[in-house]
Amino acid sequence: FNESTMPQGELDIYRQIQKQKLSVSLKKSEFVAGRVIDELLYGFEHPY
């Protein structure tokens, strides 16, 4: 809580993994539906 450094290398690895996961997930209709229904309810600019 007071010494974390958010290392650039760890960020780069995490970024790569998440983009790969997103690429796979976007092919799944249920994943897309879960995202879009919240956008319809609250608006894309809202945190929900």
ModelCIF file with pLDDT and N, C-alpha, C, O atoms, coordinates in Angstrom:
data_MODEL
#
_entry.id   MODEL 
#
_entity.id                         1 
_entity.type                       polymer 
_entity.pdbx_number_of_molecules   1 
#
_entity_poly.entity_id                      1 
_entity_poly.type                           'polypeptide(L)' 
_entity_poly.nstd_linkage                   no 
_entity_poly.nstd_monomer                   no 
_entity_poly.pdbx_seq_one_letter_code       FNESTMPQGELDIYRQIQKQKLSVSLKKSEFVAGRVIDELLYGFEHPY 
_entity_poly.pdbx_seq_one_letter_code_can   FNESTMPQGELDIYRQIQKQKLSVSLKKSEFVAGRVIDELLYGFEHPY 
_entity_poly.pdbx_strand_id                 A 
#
loop_
_entity_poly_seq.entity_id 
_entity_poly_seq.num 
_entity_poly_seq.mon_id 
_entity_poly_seq.hetero 
1 1  PHE n 
1 2  ASN n 
1 3  GLU n 
1 4  SER n 
1 5  THR n 
1 6  MET n 
1 7  PRO n 
1 8  GLN n 
1 9  GLY n 
1 10 GLU n 
1 11 LEU n 
1 12 ASP n 
1 13 ILE n 
1 14 TYR n 
1 15 ARG n 
1 16 GLN n 
1 17 ILE n 
1 18 GLN n 
1 19 LYS n 
1 20 GLN n 
1 21 LYS n 
1 22 LEU n 
1 23 SER n 
1 24 VAL n 
1 25 SER n 
1 26 LEU n 
1 27 LYS n 
1 28 LYS n 
1 29 SER n 
1 30 GLU n 
1 31 PHE n 
1 32 VAL n 
1 33 ALA n 
1 34 GLY n 
1 35 ARG n 
1 36 VAL n 
1 37 ILE n 
1 38 ASP n 
1 39 GLU n 
1 40 LEU n 
1 41 LEU n 
1 42 TYR n 
1 43 GLY n 
1 44 PHE n 
1 45 GLU n 
1 46 HIS n 
1 47 PRO n 
1 48 TYR n 
#
_struct_asym.id          A 
_struct_asym.entity_id   1 
#
loop_
_ma_qa_metric.id 
_ma_qa_metric.mode 
_ma_qa_metric.name 
_ma_qa_metric.software_group_id 
_ma_qa_metric.type 
1 global pLDDT . pLDDT 
2 local  pLDDT . pLDDT 
#
_ma_qa_metric_global.metric_id      1 
_ma_qa_metric_global.metric_value   96.73 
_ma_qa_metric_global.model_id       1 
_ma_qa_metric_global.ordinal_id     1 
#
loop_
_ma_qa_metric_local.label_asym_id 
_ma_qa_metric_local.label_comp_id 
_ma_qa_metric_local.label_seq_id 
_ma_qa_metric_local.metric_id 
_ma_qa_metric_local.metric_value 
_ma_qa_metric_local.model_id 
_ma_qa_metric_local.ordinal_id 
A PHE 1  2 98.00 1 1  
A ASN 2  2 95.00 1 2  
A GLU 3  2 97.00 1 3  
A SER 4  2 98.00 1 4  
A THR 5  2 98.00 1 5  
A MET 6  2 98.00 1 6  
A PRO 7  2 97.00 1 7  
A GLN 8  2 97.00 1 8  
A GLY 9  2 97.00 1 9  
A GLU 10 2 97.00 1 10 
A LEU 11 2 97.00 1 11 
A ASP 12 2 97.00 1 12 
A ILE 13 2 97.00 1 13 
A TYR 14 2 96.00 1 14 
A ARG 15 2 97.00 1 15 
A GLN 16 2 97.00 1 16 
A ILE 17 2 97.00 1 17 
A GLN 18 2 97.00 1 18 
A LYS 19 2 98.00 1 19 
A GLN 20 2 98.00 1 20 
A LYS 21 2 97.00 1 21 
A LEU 22 2 98.00 1 22 
A SER 23 2 97.00 1 23 
A VAL 24 2 97.00 1 24 
A SER 25 2 97.00 1 25 
A LEU 26 2 96.00 1 26 
A LYS 27 2 94.00 1 27 
A LYS 28 2 94.00 1 28 
A SER 29 2 96.00 1 29 
A GLU 30 2 96.00 1 30 
A PHE 31 2 97.00 1 31 
A VAL 32 2 97.00 1 32 
A ALA 33 2 98.00 1 33 
A GLY 34 2 97.00 1 34 
A ARG 35 2 97.00 1 35 
A VAL 36 2 98.00 1 36 
A ILE 37 2 98.00 1 37 
A ASP 38 2 97.00 1 38 
A GLU 39 2 97.00 1 39 
A LEU 40 2 98.00 1 40 
A LEU 41 2 97.00 1 41 
A TYR 42 2 96.00 1 42 
A GLY 43 2 96.00 1 43 
A PHE 44 2 95.00 1 44 
A GLU 45 2 93.00 1 45 
A HIS 46 2 96.00 1 46 
A PRO 47 2 95.00 1 47 
A TYR 48 2 96.00 1 48 
#
loop_
_atom_site.group_PDB 
_atom_site.id 
_atom_site.type_symbol 
_atom_site.label_atom_id 
_atom_site.label_alt_id 
_atom_site.label_comp_id 
_atom_site.label_asym_id 
_atom_site.label_entity_id 
_atom_site.label_seq_id 
_atom_site.pdbx_PDB_ins_code 
_atom_site.Cartn_x 
_atom_site.Cartn_y 
_atom_site.Cartn_z 
_atom_site.occupancy 
_atom_site.B_iso_or_equiv 
_atom_site.pdbx_formal_charge 
_atom_site.auth_seq_id 
_atom_site.auth_comp_id 
_atom_site.auth_asym_id 
_atom_site.auth_atom_id 
_atom_site.pdbx_PDB_model_num 
ATOM 1   N N  . PHE A 1 1  ? 0.797   -1.222  0.000   1.00 98.00 ? 1  PHE A N  1 
ATOM 2   C CA . PHE A 1 1  ? 0.000   0.000   0.000   1.00 98.00 ? 1  PHE A CA 1 
ATOM 3   C C  . PHE A 1 1  ? 0.832   1.275   0.000   1.00 98.00 ? 1  PHE A C  1 
ATOM 4   O O  . PHE A 1 1  ? 0.304   2.356   -0.262  1.00 98.00 ? 1  PHE A O  1 
ATOM 5   N N  . ASN A 1 2  ? 2.122   1.164   0.290   1.00 95.00 ? 2  ASN A N  1 
ATOM 6   C CA . ASN A 1 2  ? 2.938   2.383   0.269   1.00 95.00 ? 2  ASN A CA 1 
ATOM 7   C C  . ASN A 1 2  ? 4.282   2.225   -0.438  1.00 95.00 ? 2  ASN A C  1 
ATOM 8   O O  . ASN A 1 2  ? 5.054   3.181   -0.516  1.00 95.00 ? 2  ASN A O  1 
ATOM 9   N N  . GLU A 1 3  ? 4.574   1.019   -0.960  1.00 97.00 ? 3  GLU A N  1 
ATOM 10  C CA . GLU A 1 3  ? 5.857   0.802   -1.622  1.00 97.00 ? 3  GLU A CA 1 
ATOM 11  C C  . GLU A 1 3  ? 5.736   0.158   -2.997  1.00 97.00 ? 3  GLU A C  1 
ATOM 12  O O  . GLU A 1 3  ? 6.758   -0.128  -3.621  1.00 97.00 ? 3  GLU A O  1 
ATOM 13  N N  . SER A 1 4  ? 4.527   -0.079  -3.492  1.00 98.00 ? 4  SER A N  1 
ATOM 14  C CA . SER A 1 4  ? 4.382   -0.680  -4.810  1.00 98.00 ? 4  SER A CA 1 
ATOM 15  C C  . SER A 1 4  ? 4.935   0.253   -5.879  1.00 98.00 ? 4  SER A C  1 
ATOM 16  O O  . SER A 1 4  ? 4.785   1.471   -5.786  1.00 98.00 ? 4  SER A O  1 
ATOM 17  N N  . THR A 1 5  ? 5.569   -0.318  -6.885  1.00 98.00 ? 5  THR A N  1 
ATOM 18  C CA . THR A 1 5  ? 6.232   0.483   -7.918  1.00 98.00 ? 5  THR A CA 1 
ATOM 19  C C  . THR A 1 5  ? 5.597   0.358   -9.296  1.00 98.00 ? 5  THR A C  1 
ATOM 20  O O  . THR A 1 5  ? 6.009   1.056   -10.223 1.00 98.00 ? 5  THR A O  1 
ATOM 21  N N  . MET A 1 6  ? 4.617   -0.504  -9.451  1.00 98.00 ? 6  MET A N  1 
ATOM 22  C CA . MET A 1 6  ? 3.981   -0.688  -10.767 1.00 98.00 ? 6  MET A CA 1 
ATOM 23  C C  . MET A 1 6  ? 5.036   -0.850  -11.866 1.00 98.00 ? 6  MET A C  1 
ATOM 24  O O  . MET A 1 6  ? 5.066   -0.049  -12.800 1.00 98.00 ? 6  MET A O  1 
ATOM 25  N N  . PRO A 1 7  ? 5.892   -1.856  -11.777 1.00 97.00 ? 7  PRO A N  1 
ATOM 26  C CA . PRO A 1 7  ? 7.021   -1.962  -12.719 1.00 97.00 ? 7  PRO A CA 1 
ATOM 27  C C  . PRO A 1 7  ? 6.578   -1.967  -14.179 1.00 97.00 ? 7  PRO A C  1 
ATOM 28  O O  . PRO A 1 7  ? 5.581   -2.594  -14.538 1.00 97.00 ? 7  PRO A O  1 
ATOM 29  N N  . GLN A 1 8  ? 7.334   -1.261  -15.008 1.00 97.00 ? 8  GLN A N  1 
ATOM 30  C CA . GLN A 1 8  ? 6.996   -1.160  -16.411 1.00 97.00 ? 8  GLN A CA 1 
ATOM 31  C C  . GLN A 1 8  ? 6.951   -2.544  -17.075 1.00 97.00 ? 8  GLN A C  1 
ATOM 32  O O  . GLN A 1 8  ? 6.072   -2.817  -17.892 1.00 97.00 ? 8  GLN A O  1 
ATOM 33  N N  . GLY A 1 9  ? 7.899   -3.404  -16.719 1.00 97.00 ? 9  GLY A N  1 
ATOM 34  C CA . GLY A 1 9  ? 7.925   -4.739  -17.303 1.00 97.00 ? 9  GLY A CA 1 
ATOM 35  C C  . GLY A 1 9  ? 6.675   -5.545  -16.980 1.00 97.00 ? 9  GLY A C  1 
ATOM 36  O O  . GLY A 1 9  ? 6.139   -6.248  -17.837 1.00 97.00 ? 9  GLY A O  1 
ATOM 37  N N  . GLU A 1 10 ? 6.208   -5.436  -15.720 1.00 97.00 ? 10 GLU A N  1 
ATOM 38  C CA . GLU A 1 10 ? 4.989   -6.134  -15.327 1.00 97.00 ? 10 GLU A CA 1 
ATOM 39  C C  . GLU A 1 10 ? 3.775   -5.564  -16.051 1.00 97.00 ? 10 GLU A C  1 
ATOM 40  O O  . GLU A 1 10 ? 2.873   -6.305  -16.440 1.00 97.00 ? 10 GLU A O  1 
ATOM 41  N N  . LEU A 1 11 ? 3.756   -4.254  -16.227 1.00 97.00 ? 11 LEU A N  1 
ATOM 42  C CA . LEU A 1 11 ? 2.674   -3.619  -16.970 1.00 97.00 ? 11 LEU A CA 1 
ATOM 43  C C  . LEU A 1 11 ? 2.642   -4.105  -18.415 1.00 97.00 ? 11 LEU A C  1 
ATOM 44  O O  . LEU A 1 11 ? 1.571   -4.388  -18.953 1.00 97.00 ? 11 LEU A O  1 
ATOM 45  N N  . ASP A 1 12 ? 3.798   -4.202  -19.039 1.00 97.00 ? 12 ASP A N  1 
ATOM 46  C CA . ASP A 1 12 ? 3.872   -4.643  -20.429 1.00 97.00 ? 12 ASP A CA 1 
ATOM 47  C C  . ASP A 1 12 ? 3.364   -6.074  -20.590 1.00 97.00 ? 12 ASP A C  1 
ATOM 48  O O  . ASP A 1 12 ? 2.648   -6.383  -21.542 1.00 97.00 ? 12 ASP A O  1 
ATOM 49  N N  . ILE A 1 13 ? 3.741   -6.945  -19.648 1.00 97.00 ? 13 ILE A N  1 
ATOM 50  C CA . ILE A 1 13 ? 3.280   -8.332  -19.701 1.00 97.00 ? 13 ILE A CA 1 
ATOM 51  C C  . ILE A 1 13 ? 1.765   -8.403  -19.526 1.00 97.00 ? 13 ILE A C  1 
ATOM 52  O O  . ILE A 1 13 ? 1.074   -9.087  -20.280 1.00 97.00 ? 13 ILE A O  1 
ATOM 53  N N  . TYR A 1 14 ? 1.263   -7.689  -18.527 1.00 96.00 ? 14 TYR A N  1 
ATOM 54  C CA . TYR A 1 14 ? -0.167  -7.693  -18.260 1.00 96.00 ? 14 TYR A CA 1 
ATOM 55  C C  . TYR A 1 14 ? -0.944  -7.134  -19.457 1.00 96.00 ? 14 TYR A C  1 
ATOM 56  O O  . TYR A 1 14 ? -1.977  -7.686  -19.838 1.00 96.00 ? 14 TYR A O  1 
ATOM 57  N N  . ARG A 1 15 ? -0.459  -6.060  -20.039 1.00 97.00 ? 15 ARG A N  1 
ATOM 58  C CA . ARG A 1 15 ? -1.109  -5.450  -21.198 1.00 97.00 ? 15 ARG A CA 1 
ATOM 59  C C  . ARG A 1 15 ? -1.231  -6.466  -22.351 1.00 97.00 ? 15 ARG A C  1 
ATOM 60  O O  . ARG A 1 15 ? -2.282  -6.589  -22.980 1.00 97.00 ? 15 ARG A O  1 
ATOM 61  N N  . GLN A 1 16 ? -0.141  -7.180  -22.606 1.00 97.00 ? 16 GLN A N  1 
ATOM 62  C CA . GLN A 1 16 ? -0.133  -8.148  -23.688 1.00 97.00 ? 16 GLN A CA 1 
ATOM 63  C C  . GLN A 1 16 ? -1.128  -9.287  -23.435 1.00 97.00 ? 16 GLN A C  1 
ATOM 64  O O  . GLN A 1 16 ? -1.865  -9.693  -24.334 1.00 97.00 ? 16 GLN A O  1 
ATOM 65  N N  . ILE A 1 17 ? -1.136  -9.788  -22.206 1.00 97.00 ? 17 ILE A N  1 
ATOM 66  C CA . ILE A 1 17 ? -2.036  -10.886 -21.854 1.00 97.00 ? 17 ILE A CA 1 
ATOM 67  C C  . ILE A 1 17 ? -3.499  -10.455 -21.986 1.00 97.00 ? 17 ILE A C  1 
ATOM 68  O O  . ILE A 1 17 ? -4.319  -11.187 -22.541 1.00 97.00 ? 17 ILE A O  1 
ATOM 69  N N  . GLN A 1 18 ? -3.818  -9.268  -21.476 1.00 97.00 ? 18 GLN A N  1 
ATOM 70  C CA . GLN A 1 18 ? -5.200  -8.808  -21.508 1.00 97.00 ? 18 GLN A CA 1 
ATOM 71  C C  . GLN A 1 18 ? -5.677  -8.551  -22.925 1.00 97.00 ? 18 GLN A C  1 
ATOM 72  O O  . GLN A 1 18 ? -6.838  -8.815  -23.237 1.00 97.00 ? 18 GLN A O  1 
ATOM 73  N N  . LYS A 1 19 ? -4.818  -8.046  -23.784 1.00 98.00 ? 19 LYS A N  1 
ATOM 74  C CA . LYS A 1 19 ? -5.213  -7.822  -25.171 1.00 98.00 ? 19 LYS A CA 1 
ATOM 75  C C  . LYS A 1 19 ? -5.467  -9.150  -25.877 1.00 98.00 ? 19 LYS A C  1 
ATOM 76  O O  . LYS A 1 19 ? -6.377  -9.252  -26.700 1.00 98.00 ? 19 LYS A O  1 
ATOM 77  N N  . GLN A 1 20 ? -4.673  -10.157 -25.563 1.00 98.00 ? 20 GLN A N  1 
ATOM 78  C CA . GLN A 1 20 ? -4.900  -11.476 -26.140 1.00 98.00 ? 20 GLN A CA 1 
ATOM 79  C C  . GLN A 1 20 ? -6.217  -12.065 -25.649 1.00 98.00 ? 20 GLN A C  1 
ATOM 80  O O  . GLN A 1 20 ? -6.975  -12.641 -26.430 1.00 98.00 ? 20 GLN A O  1 
ATOM 81  N N  . LYS A 1 21 ? -6.488  -11.919 -24.353 1.00 97.00 ? 21 LYS A N  1 
ATOM 82  C CA . LYS A 1 21 ? -7.743  -12.417 -23.798 1.00 97.00 ? 21 LYS A CA 1 
ATOM 83  C C  . LYS A 1 21 ? -8.934  -11.691 -24.408 1.00 97.00 ? 21 LYS A C  1 
ATOM 84  O O  . LYS A 1 21 ? -9.955  -12.305 -24.717 1.00 97.00 ? 21 LYS A O  1 
ATOM 85  N N  . LEU A 1 22 ? -8.796  -10.370 -24.582 1.00 98.00 ? 22 LEU A N  1 
ATOM 86  C CA . LEU A 1 22 ? -9.874  -9.579  -25.160 1.00 98.00 ? 22 LEU A CA 1 
ATOM 87  C C  . LEU A 1 22 ? -10.144 -10.008 -26.598 1.00 98.00 ? 22 LEU A C  1 
ATOM 88  O O  . LEU A 1 22 ? -11.297 -10.093 -27.022 1.00 98.00 ? 22 LEU A O  1 
ATOM 89  N N  . SER A 1 23 ? -9.088  -10.276 -27.338 1.00 97.00 ? 23 SER A N  1 
ATOM 90  C CA . SER A 1 23 ? -9.231  -10.708 -28.726 1.00 97.00 ? 23 SER A CA 1 
ATOM 91  C C  . SER A 1 23 ? -10.039 -11.998 -28.824 1.00 97.00 ? 23 SER A C  1 
ATOM 92  O O  . SER A 1 23 ? -10.872 -12.145 -29.719 1.00 97.00 ? 23 SER A O  1 
ATOM 93  N N  . VAL A 1 24 ? -9.797  -12.927 -27.910 1.00 97.00 ? 24 VAL A N  1 
ATOM 94  C CA . VAL A 1 24 ? -10.535 -14.189 -27.891 1.00 97.00 ? 24 VAL A CA 1 
ATOM 95  C C  . VAL A 1 24 ? -11.974 -13.967 -27.418 1.00 97.00 ? 24 VAL A C  1 
ATOM 96  O O  . VAL A 1 24 ? -12.913 -14.503 -28.006 1.00 97.00 ? 24 VAL A O  1 
ATOM 97  N N  . SER A 1 25 ? -12.143 -13.174 -26.353 1.00 97.00 ? 25 SER A N  1 
ATOM 98  C CA . SER A 1 25 ? -13.462 -12.970 -25.749 1.00 97.00 ? 25 SER A CA 1 
ATOM 99  C C  . SER A 1 25 ? -14.431 -12.271 -26.692 1.00 97.00 ? 25 SER A C  1 
ATOM 100 O O  . SER A 1 25 ? -15.628 -12.557 -26.672 1.00 97.00 ? 25 SER A O  1 
ATOM 101 N N  . LEU A 1 26 ? -13.925 -11.352 -27.521 1.00 96.00 ? 26 LEU A N  1 
ATOM 102 C CA . LEU A 1 26 ? -14.797 -10.595 -28.413 1.00 96.00 ? 26 LEU A CA 1 
ATOM 103 C C  . LEU A 1 26 ? -15.444 -11.463 -29.485 1.00 96.00 ? 26 LEU A C  1 
ATOM 104 O O  . LEU A 1 26 ? -16.376 -11.027 -30.160 1.00 96.00 ? 26 LEU A O  1 
ATOM 105 N N  . LYS A 1 27 ? -14.960 -12.670 -29.640 1.00 94.00 ? 27 LYS A N  1 
ATOM 106 C CA . LYS A 1 27 ? -15.570 -13.602 -30.582 1.00 94.00 ? 27 LYS A CA 1 
ATOM 107 C C  . LYS A 1 27 ? -16.752 -14.338 -29.957 1.00 94.00 ? 27 LYS A C  1 
ATOM 108 O O  . LYS A 1 27 ? -17.486 -15.039 -30.654 1.00 94.00 ? 27 LYS A O  1 
ATOM 109 N N  . LYS A 1 28 ? -16.937 -14.183 -28.657 1.00 94.00 ? 28 LYS A N  1 
ATOM 110 C CA . LYS A 1 28 ? -17.997 -14.882 -27.941 1.00 94.00 ? 28 LYS A CA 1 
ATOM 111 C C  . LYS A 1 28 ? -19.195 -13.957 -27.768 1.00 94.00 ? 28 LYS A C  1 
ATOM 112 O O  . LYS A 1 28 ? -19.066 -12.862 -27.222 1.00 94.00 ? 28 LYS A O  1 
ATOM 113 N N  . SER A 1 29 ? -20.347 -14.395 -28.227 1.00 96.00 ? 29 SER A N  1 
ATOM 114 C CA . SER A 1 29 ? -21.549 -13.560 -28.186 1.00 96.00 ? 29 SER A CA 1 
ATOM 115 C C  . SER A 1 29 ? -21.947 -13.184 -26.764 1.00 96.00 ? 29 SER A C  1 
ATOM 116 O O  . SER A 1 29 ? -22.379 -12.059 -26.514 1.00 96.00 ? 29 SER A O  1 
ATOM 117 N N  . GLU A 1 30 ? -21.800 -14.140 -25.818 1.00 96.00 ? 30 GLU A N  1 
ATOM 118 C CA . GLU A 1 30 ? -22.207 -13.851 -24.449 1.00 96.00 ? 30 GLU A CA 1 
ATOM 119 C C  . GLU A 1 30 ? -21.328 -12.771 -23.814 1.00 96.00 ? 30 GLU A C  1 
ATOM 120 O O  . GLU A 1 30 ? -21.809 -11.991 -22.992 1.00 96.00 ? 30 GLU A O  1 
ATOM 121 N N  . PHE A 1 31 ? -20.039 -12.717 -24.188 1.00 97.00 ? 31 PHE A N  1 
ATOM 122 C CA . PHE A 1 31 ? -19.150 -11.686 -23.678 1.00 97.00 ? 31 PHE A CA 1 
ATOM 123 C C  . PHE A 1 31 ? -19.550 -10.321 -24.206 1.00 97.00 ? 31 PHE A C  1 
ATOM 124 O O  . PHE A 1 31 ? -19.628 -9.352  -23.451 1.00 97.00 ? 31 PHE A O  1 
ATOM 125 N N  . VAL A 1 32 ? -19.800 -10.248 -25.496 1.00 97.00 ? 32 VAL A N  1 
ATOM 126 C CA . VAL A 1 32 ? -20.215 -8.988  -26.110 1.00 97.00 ? 32 VAL A CA 1 
ATOM 127 C C  . VAL A 1 32 ? -21.535 -8.510  -25.515 1.00 97.00 ? 32 VAL A C  1 
ATOM 128 O O  . VAL A 1 32 ? -21.707 -7.320  -25.252 1.00 97.00 ? 32 VAL A O  1 
ATOM 129 N N  . ALA A 1 33 ? -22.466 -9.438  -25.305 1.00 98.00 ? 33 ALA A N  1 
ATOM 130 C CA . ALA A 1 33 ? -23.768 -9.066  -24.753 1.00 98.00 ? 33 ALA A CA 1 
ATOM 131 C C  . ALA A 1 33 ? -23.638 -8.497  -23.347 1.00 98.00 ? 33 ALA A C  1 
ATOM 132 O O  . ALA A 1 33 ? -24.321 -7.533  -23.004 1.00 98.00 ? 33 ALA A O  1 
ATOM 133 N N  . GLY A 1 34 ? -22.773 -9.081  -22.534 1.00 97.00 ? 34 GLY A N  1 
ATOM 134 C CA . GLY A 1 34 ? -22.572 -8.594  -21.174 1.00 97.00 ? 34 GLY A CA 1 
ATOM 135 C C  . GLY A 1 34 ? -22.034 -7.180  -21.134 1.00 97.00 ? 34 GLY A C  1 
ATOM 136 O O  . GLY A 1 34 ? -22.365 -6.411  -20.231 1.00 97.00 ? 34 GLY A O  1 
ATOM 137 N N  . ARG A 1 35 ? -21.207 -6.830  -22.104 1.00 97.00 ? 35 ARG A N  1 
ATOM 138 C CA . ARG A 1 35 ? -20.670 -5.474  -22.183 1.00 97.00 ? 35 ARG A CA 1 
ATOM 139 C C  . ARG A 1 35 ? -21.724 -4.487  -22.674 1.00 97.00 ? 35 ARG A C  1 
ATOM 140 O O  . ARG A 1 35 ? -21.907 -3.418  -22.091 1.00 97.00 ? 35 ARG A O  1 
ATOM 141 N N  . VAL A 1 36 ? -22.397 -4.847  -23.725 1.00 98.00 ? 36 VAL A N  1 
ATOM 142 C CA . VAL A 1 36 ? -23.287 -3.907  -24.395 1.00 98.00 ? 36 VAL A CA 1 
ATOM 143 C C  . VAL A 1 36 ? -24.551 -3.625  -23.591 1.00 98.00 ? 36 VAL A C  1 
ATOM 144 O O  . VAL A 1 36 ? -25.053 -2.501  -23.621 1.00 98.00 ? 36 VAL A O  1 
ATOM 145 N N  . ILE A 1 37 ? -25.078 -4.616  -22.873 1.00 98.00 ? 37 ILE A N  1 
ATOM 146 C CA . ILE A 1 37 ? -26.309 -4.370  -22.113 1.00 98.00 ? 37 ILE A CA 1 
ATOM 147 C C  . ILE A 1 37 ? -26.071 -3.314  -21.039 1.00 98.00 ? 37 ILE A C  1 
ATOM 148 O O  . ILE A 1 37 ? -26.955 -2.498  -20.778 1.00 98.00 ? 37 ILE A O  1 
ATOM 149 N N  . ASP A 1 38 ? -24.901 -3.310  -20.415 1.00 97.00 ? 38 ASP A N  1 
ATOM 150 C CA . ASP A 1 38 ? -24.597 -2.281  -19.422 1.00 97.00 ? 38 ASP A CA 1 
ATOM 151 C C  . ASP A 1 38 ? -24.452 -0.906  -20.081 1.00 97.00 ? 38 ASP A C  1 
ATOM 152 O O  . ASP A 1 38 ? -24.830 0.111   -19.498 1.00 97.00 ? 38 ASP A O  1 
ATOM 153 N N  . GLU A 1 39 ? -23.910 -0.883  -21.283 1.00 97.00 ? 39 GLU A N  1 
ATOM 154 C CA . GLU A 1 39 ? -23.821 0.385   -22.011 1.00 97.00 ? 39 GLU A CA 1 
ATOM 155 C C  . GLU A 1 39 ? -25.216 0.928   -22.320 1.00 97.00 ? 39 GLU A C  1 
ATOM 156 O O  . GLU A 1 39 ? -25.449 2.131   -22.201 1.00 97.00 ? 39 GLU A O  1 
ATOM 157 N N  . LEU A 1 40 ? -26.142 0.059   -22.714 1.00 98.00 ? 40 LEU A N  1 
ATOM 158 C CA . LEU A 1 40 ? -27.506 0.487   -22.997 1.00 98.00 ? 40 LEU A CA 1 
ATOM 159 C C  . LEU A 1 40 ? -28.184 1.043   -21.750 1.00 98.00 ? 40 LEU A C  1 
ATOM 160 O O  . LEU A 1 40 ? -28.919 2.029   -21.825 1.00 98.00 ? 40 LEU A O  1 
ATOM 161 N N  . LEU A 1 41 ? -27.937 0.410   -20.605 1.00 97.00 ? 41 LEU A N  1 
ATOM 162 C CA . LEU A 1 41 ? -28.595 0.806   -19.362 1.00 97.00 ? 41 LEU A CA 1 
ATOM 163 C C  . LEU A 1 41 ? -28.059 2.108   -18.788 1.00 97.00 ? 41 LEU A C  1 
ATOM 164 O O  . LEU A 1 41 ? -28.824 2.930   -18.283 1.00 97.00 ? 41 LEU A O  1 
ATOM 165 N N  . TYR A 1 42 ? -26.730 2.302   -18.864 1.00 96.00 ? 42 TYR A N  1 
ATOM 166 C CA . TYR A 1 42 ? -26.101 3.404   -18.139 1.00 96.00 ? 42 TYR A CA 1 
ATOM 167 C C  . TYR A 1 42 ? -25.416 4.430   -19.038 1.00 96.00 ? 42 TYR A C  1 
ATOM 168 O O  . TYR A 1 42 ? -25.190 5.563   -18.613 1.00 96.00 ? 42 TYR A O  1 
ATOM 169 N N  . GLY A 1 43 ? -25.085 4.055   -20.265 1.00 96.00 ? 43 GLY A N  1 
ATOM 170 C CA . GLY A 1 43 ? -24.308 4.930   -21.131 1.00 96.00 ? 43 GLY A CA 1 
ATOM 171 C C  . GLY A 1 43 ? -22.833 4.594   -21.040 1.00 96.00 ? 43 GLY A C  1 
ATOM 172 O O  . GLY A 1 43 ? -22.340 4.222   -19.975 1.00 96.00 ? 43 GLY A O  1 
ATOM 173 N N  . PHE A 1 44 ? -22.124 4.723   -22.161 1.00 95.00 ? 44 PHE A N  1 
ATOM 174 C CA . PHE A 1 44 ? -20.732 4.304   -22.201 1.00 95.00 ? 44 PHE A CA 1 
ATOM 175 C C  . PHE A 1 44 ? -19.834 5.171   -21.335 1.00 95.00 ? 44 PHE A C  1 
ATOM 176 O O  . PHE A 1 44 ? -18.779 4.708   -20.901 1.00 95.00 ? 44 PHE A O  1 
ATOM 177 N N  . GLU A 1 45 ? -20.216 6.405   -21.073 1.00 93.00 ? 45 GLU A N  1 
ATOM 178 C CA . GLU A 1 45 ? -19.390 7.295   -20.258 1.00 93.00 ? 45 GLU A CA 1 
ATOM 179 C C  . GLU A 1 45 ? -19.577 7.047   -18.761 1.00 93.00 ? 45 GLU A C  1 
ATOM 180 O O  . GLU A 1 45 ? -18.825 7.595   -17.955 1.00 93.00 ? 45 GLU A O  1 
ATOM 181 N N  . HIS A 1 46 ? -20.537 6.254   -18.383 1.00 96.00 ? 46 HIS A N  1 
ATOM 182 C CA . HIS A 1 46 ? -20.770 5.951   -16.975 1.00 96.00 ? 46 HIS A CA 1 
ATOM 183 C C  . HIS A 1 46 ? -19.902 4.771   -16.546 1.00 96.00 ? 46 HIS A C  1 
ATOM 184 O O  . HIS A 1 46 ? -19.697 3.853   -17.340 1.00 96.00 ? 46 HIS A O  1 
ATOM 185 N N  . PRO A 1 47 ? -19.381 4.765   -15.310 1.00 95.00 ? 47 PRO A N  1 
ATOM 186 C CA . PRO A 1 47 ? -18.535 3.657   -14.863 1.00 95.00 ? 47 PRO A CA 1 
ATOM 187 C C  . PRO A 1 47 ? -19.198 2.288   -14.952 1.00 95.00 ? 47 PRO A C  1 
ATOM 188 O O  . PRO A 1 47 ? -18.510 1.284   -15.134 1.00 95.00 ? 47 PRO A O  1 
ATOM 189 N N  . TYR A 1 48 ? -20.508 2.230   -14.828 1.00 96.00 ? 48 TYR A N  1 
ATOM 190 C CA . TYR A 1 48 ? -21.201 0.945   -14.933 1.00 96.00 ? 48 TYR A CA 1 
ATOM 191 C C  . TYR A 1 48 ? -21.334 0.480   -16.382 1.00 96.00 ? 48 TYR A C  1 
ATOM 192 O O  . TYR A 1 48 ? -21.895 -0.586  -16.640 1.00 96.00 ? 48 TYR A O  1 
#
